[in-house]
C-alpha atoms as a PDB file:
ATOM      1  CA  MET A   1       6.284 230.139-157.309  1.00  0.00           C
ATOM      2  CA  LYS A   2       8.505 231.109-154.384  1.00  0.00           C
ATOM      3  CA  ALA A   3       9.588 228.551-151.793  1.00  0.00           C
ATOM      4  CA  ASP A   4       8.593 229.181-148.176  1.00  0.00           C
ATOM      5  CA  PRO A   5      11.878 229.926-146.312  1.00  0.00           C
ATOM      6  CA  ALA A   6      10.447 228.395-143.115  1.00  0.00           C
ATOM      7  CA  LYS A   7      10.195 225.013-144.886  1.00  0.00           C
ATOM      8  CA  GLU A   8      13.707 225.031-146.350  1.00  0.00           C
ATOM      9  CA  LEU A   9      16.227 222.469-145.044  1.00  0.00           C
ATOM     10  CA  ASN A  10      19.910 223.407-145.121  1.00  0.00           C
ATOM     11  CA  LEU A  11      22.530 220.652-144.913  1.00  0.00           C
ATOM     12  CA  ILE A  12      26.133 220.905-143.719  1.00  0.00           C
ATOM     13  CA  GLY A  13      27.577 217.581-144.878  1.00  0.00           C
ATOM     14  CA  GLN A  14      30.158 215.348-143.255  1.00  0.00           C
ATOM     15  CA  GLY A  15      33.662 216.612-144.031  1.00  0.00           C
ATOM     16  CA  THR A  16      32.454 220.228-144.421  1.00  0.00           C
ATOM     17  CA  VAL A  17      33.837 222.901-142.084  1.00  0.00           C
ATOM     18  CA  VAL A  18      32.014 226.221-141.591  1.00  0.00           C
ATOM     19  CA  GLU A  19      33.556 229.110-139.651  1.00  0.00           C
ATOM     20  CA  GLY A  20      31.309 232.018-138.655  1.00  0.00           C
ATOM     21  CA  LYS A  21      27.671 232.635-137.746  1.00  0.00           C
ATOM     22  CA  LEU A  22      25.006 230.543-139.463  1.00  0.00           C
ATOM     23  CA  ARG A  23      21.396 231.811-139.588  1.00  0.00           C
ATOM     24  CA  THR A  24      18.349 230.404-141.429  1.00  0.00           C
ATOM     25  CA  GLN A  25      14.604 231.066-141.580  1.00  0.00           C
ATOM     26  CA  GLY A  26      14.033 227.310-141.982  1.00  0.00           C
ATOM     27  CA  SER A  27      15.801 224.262-140.552  1.00  0.00           C
ATOM     28  CA  VAL A  28      19.408 223.071-140.618  1.00  0.00           C
ATOM     29  CA  ARG A  29      21.105 219.683-140.208  1.00  0.00           C
ATOM     30  CA  ILE A  30      24.804 219.603-139.371  1.00  0.00           C
ATOM     31  CA  ASP A  31      26.856 216.476-140.066  1.00  0.00           C
ATOM     32  CA  GLY A  32      30.124 218.412-140.496  1.00  0.00           C
ATOM     33  CA  LYS A  33      31.809 220.948-138.201  1.00  0.00           C
ATOM     34  CA  VAL A  34      30.642 224.494-137.430  1.00  0.00           C
ATOM     35  CA  THR A  35      32.696 226.975-135.433  1.00  0.00           C
ATOM     36  CA  GLY A  36      30.331 229.820-134.589  1.00  0.00           C
ATOM     37  CA  ASP A  37      26.753 230.438-133.484  1.00  0.00           C
ATOM     38  CA  VAL A  38      23.888 228.652-135.274  1.00  0.00           C
ATOM     39  CA  THR A  39      20.354 230.116-135.327  1.00  0.00           C
ATOM     40  CA  ALA A  40      17.375 228.459-137.039  1.00  0.00           C
ATOM     41  CA  SER A  41      13.785 229.703-136.935  1.00  0.00           C
ATOM     42  CA  GLU A  42      12.463 226.133-137.075  1.00  0.00           C
ATOM     43  CA  GLY A  43      14.497 222.968-136.426  1.00  0.00           C
ATOM     44  CA  LEU A  44      18.169 222.290-135.805  1.00  0.00           C
ATOM     45  CA  ALA A  45      19.720 218.806-135.903  1.00  0.00           C
ATOM     46  CA  ILE A  46      23.300 217.816-135.146  1.00  0.00           C
ATOM     47  CA  GLY A  47      24.012 214.353-136.625  1.00  0.00           C
ATOM     48  CA  LEU A  48      26.313 211.692-135.115  1.00  0.00           C
ATOM     49  CA  THR A  49      29.298 213.095-137.038  1.00  0.00           C
ATOM     50  CA  GLY A  50      28.259 216.712-136.410  1.00  0.00           C
ATOM     51  CA  GLU A  51      30.250 219.035-134.183  1.00  0.00           C
ATOM     52  CA  VAL A  52      29.469 222.630-133.165  1.00  0.00           C
ATOM     53  CA  GLU A  53      31.601 225.049-131.166  1.00  0.00           C
ATOM     54  CA  GLY A  54      29.189 227.913-130.559  1.00  0.00           C
ATOM     55  CA  ASN A  55      25.733 228.768-129.261  1.00  0.00           C
ATOM     56  CA  LEU A  56      22.623 227.079-130.710  1.00  0.00           C
ATOM     57  CA  THR A  57      19.168 228.675-130.968  1.00  0.00           C
ATOM     58  CA  ALA A  58      16.072 227.128-132.587  1.00  0.00           C
ATOM     59  CA  LYS A  59      12.483 226.090-131.938  1.00  0.00           C
ATOM     60  CA  ASN A  60      13.301 222.345-131.818  1.00  0.00           C
ATOM     61  CA  ILE A  61      16.842 220.970-131.446  1.00  0.00           C
ATOM     62  CA  THR A  62      18.074 217.365-131.686  1.00  0.00           C
ATOM     63  CA  ILE A  63      21.707 216.558-130.900  1.00  0.00           C
ATOM     64  CA  GLY A  64      23.410 213.299-131.829  1.00  0.00           C
ATOM     65  CA  GLY A  65      26.987 214.617-132.070  1.00  0.00           C
ATOM     66  CA  LYS A  66      29.110 217.093-130.086  1.00  0.00           C
ATOM     67  CA  VAL A  67      28.273 220.621-128.950  1.00  0.00           C
ATOM     68  CA  ARG A  68      30.363 223.069-126.928  1.00  0.00           C
ATOM     69  CA  GLY A  69      28.303 226.180-126.178  1.00  0.00           C
ATOM     70  CA  SER A  70      24.969 227.300-124.779  1.00  0.00           C
ATOM     71  CA  ILE A  71      21.713 225.952-126.236  1.00  0.00           C
ATOM     72  CA  ASN A  72      18.310 227.653-126.370  1.00  0.00           C
ATOM     73  CA  ALA A  73      15.328 225.599-127.626  1.00  0.00           C
ATOM     74  CA  SER A  74      12.036 227.484-127.401  1.00  0.00           C
ATOM     75  CA  GLU A  75      10.044 224.224-127.660  1.00  0.00           C
ATOM     76  CA  LYS A  76      11.892 220.878-127.426  1.00  0.00           C
ATOM     77  CA  LEU A  77      15.521 219.794-126.936  1.00  0.00           C
ATOM     78  CA  VAL A  78      16.623 216.163-127.458  1.00  0.00           C
ATOM     79  CA  PHE A  79      20.013 214.704-126.459  1.00  0.00           C
ATOM     80  CA  GLU A  80      20.478 211.382-128.261  1.00  0.00           C
ATOM     81  CA  SER A  81      22.413 208.487-126.689  1.00  0.00           C
ATOM     82  CA  LYS A  82      25.806 209.177-128.346  1.00  0.00           C
ATOM     83  CA  SER A  83      25.748 212.958-127.914  1.00  0.00           C
ATOM     84  CA  THR A  84      28.248 215.014-125.900  1.00  0.00           C
ATOM     85  CA  ILE A  85      27.151 218.458-124.723  1.00  0.00           C
ATOM     86  CA  ARG A  86      29.288 220.944-122.796  1.00  0.00           C
ATOM     87  CA  GLY A  87      27.421 224.156-121.959  1.00  0.00           C
ATOM     88  CA  ASP A  88      24.321 225.593-120.336  1.00  0.00           C
ATOM     89  CA  ILE A  89      20.898 224.907-121.802  1.00  0.00           C
ATOM     90  CA  ARG A  90      17.426 226.436-121.707  1.00  0.00           C
ATOM     91  CA  ALA A  91      14.428 224.568-123.103  1.00  0.00           C
ATOM     92  CA  ALA A  92      10.687 224.262-122.592  1.00  0.00           C
ATOM     93  CA  LYS A  93      10.909 220.433-122.921  1.00  0.00           C
ATOM     94  CA  LEU A  94      14.025 218.264-122.508  1.00  0.00           C
ATOM     95  CA  VAL A  95      14.604 214.638-123.532  1.00  0.00           C
ATOM     96  CA  VAL A  96      17.874 212.968-122.490  1.00  0.00           C
ATOM     97  CA  ASP A  97      18.583 209.485-123.856  1.00  0.00           C
ATOM     98  CA  GLU A  98      20.622 207.013-121.814  1.00  0.00           C
ATOM     99  CA  GLY A  99      24.320 207.244-122.682  1.00  0.00           C
ATOM    100  CA  CYS A 100      24.376 210.980-123.390  1.00  0.00           C
ATOM    101  CA  VAL A 101      27.185 213.030-121.804  1.00  0.00           C
ATOM    102  CA  PHE A 102      26.047 216.446-120.559  1.00  0.00           C
ATOM    103  CA  ASP A 103      28.066 218.949-118.534  1.00  0.00           C
ATOM    104  CA  GLY A 104      26.292 222.237-117.795  1.00  0.00           C
ATOM    105  CA  LYS A 105      23.285 223.892-116.187  1.00  0.00           C
ATOM    106  CA  VAL A 106      19.659 223.332-117.185  1.00  0.00           C
ATOM    107  CA  SER A 107      16.889 225.915-117.050  1.00  0.00           C
ATOM    108  CA  MET A 108      13.363 224.982-118.100  1.00  0.00           C
ATOM    109  CA  SER A 109      10.291 227.143-118.608  1.00  0.00           C
ATOM    110  CA  ASP A 110       7.328 227.413-120.972  1.00  0.00           C
ATOM    111  CA  ARG A 111       8.992 230.271-122.864  1.00  0.00           C
ATOM    112  CA  ALA A 112      12.725 229.631-123.080  1.00  0.00           C
ATOM    113  CA  GLN A 113      15.127 232.588-122.975  1.00  0.00           C
ATOM    114  CA  PRO A 114      18.863 232.562-123.817  1.00  0.00           C
ATOM    115  CA  PRO A 115      21.093 231.164-121.027  1.00  0.00           C
ATOM    116  CA  GLU A 116      22.837 233.775-118.889  1.00  0.00           C
ATOM    117  CA  GLY A 117      26.613 234.109-118.926  1.00  0.00           C
ATOM    118  CA  ARG A 118      28.150 232.081-121.773  1.00  0.00           C
ATOM    119  CA  HIS A 119      27.837 233.891-125.086  1.00  0.00           C
END
């Protein structure tokens, strides 16, 4: 019996460093550091210890750590209270918790497209 790739969860643990593009049919949680673009067909979560220098693209994105790059969430984007985000974002729905640090431009629509400019 084959596993459904859309239901797979990939983990980048604390203390792990990944350099290069990361792409998955399922979901990914990053608690380590990624330098490069991250694309997930389903969900993408950046934990409190997670750090990404690159562009993020997924259906639903939750950020608790640090991100430097543009973000494209086709459904929902959540910035948790201890997150730090530097870059432009595009999302259909946006949730910003009190205490979050965000520096960039926001574009919202029903069908999110990649942000212009920073790639």
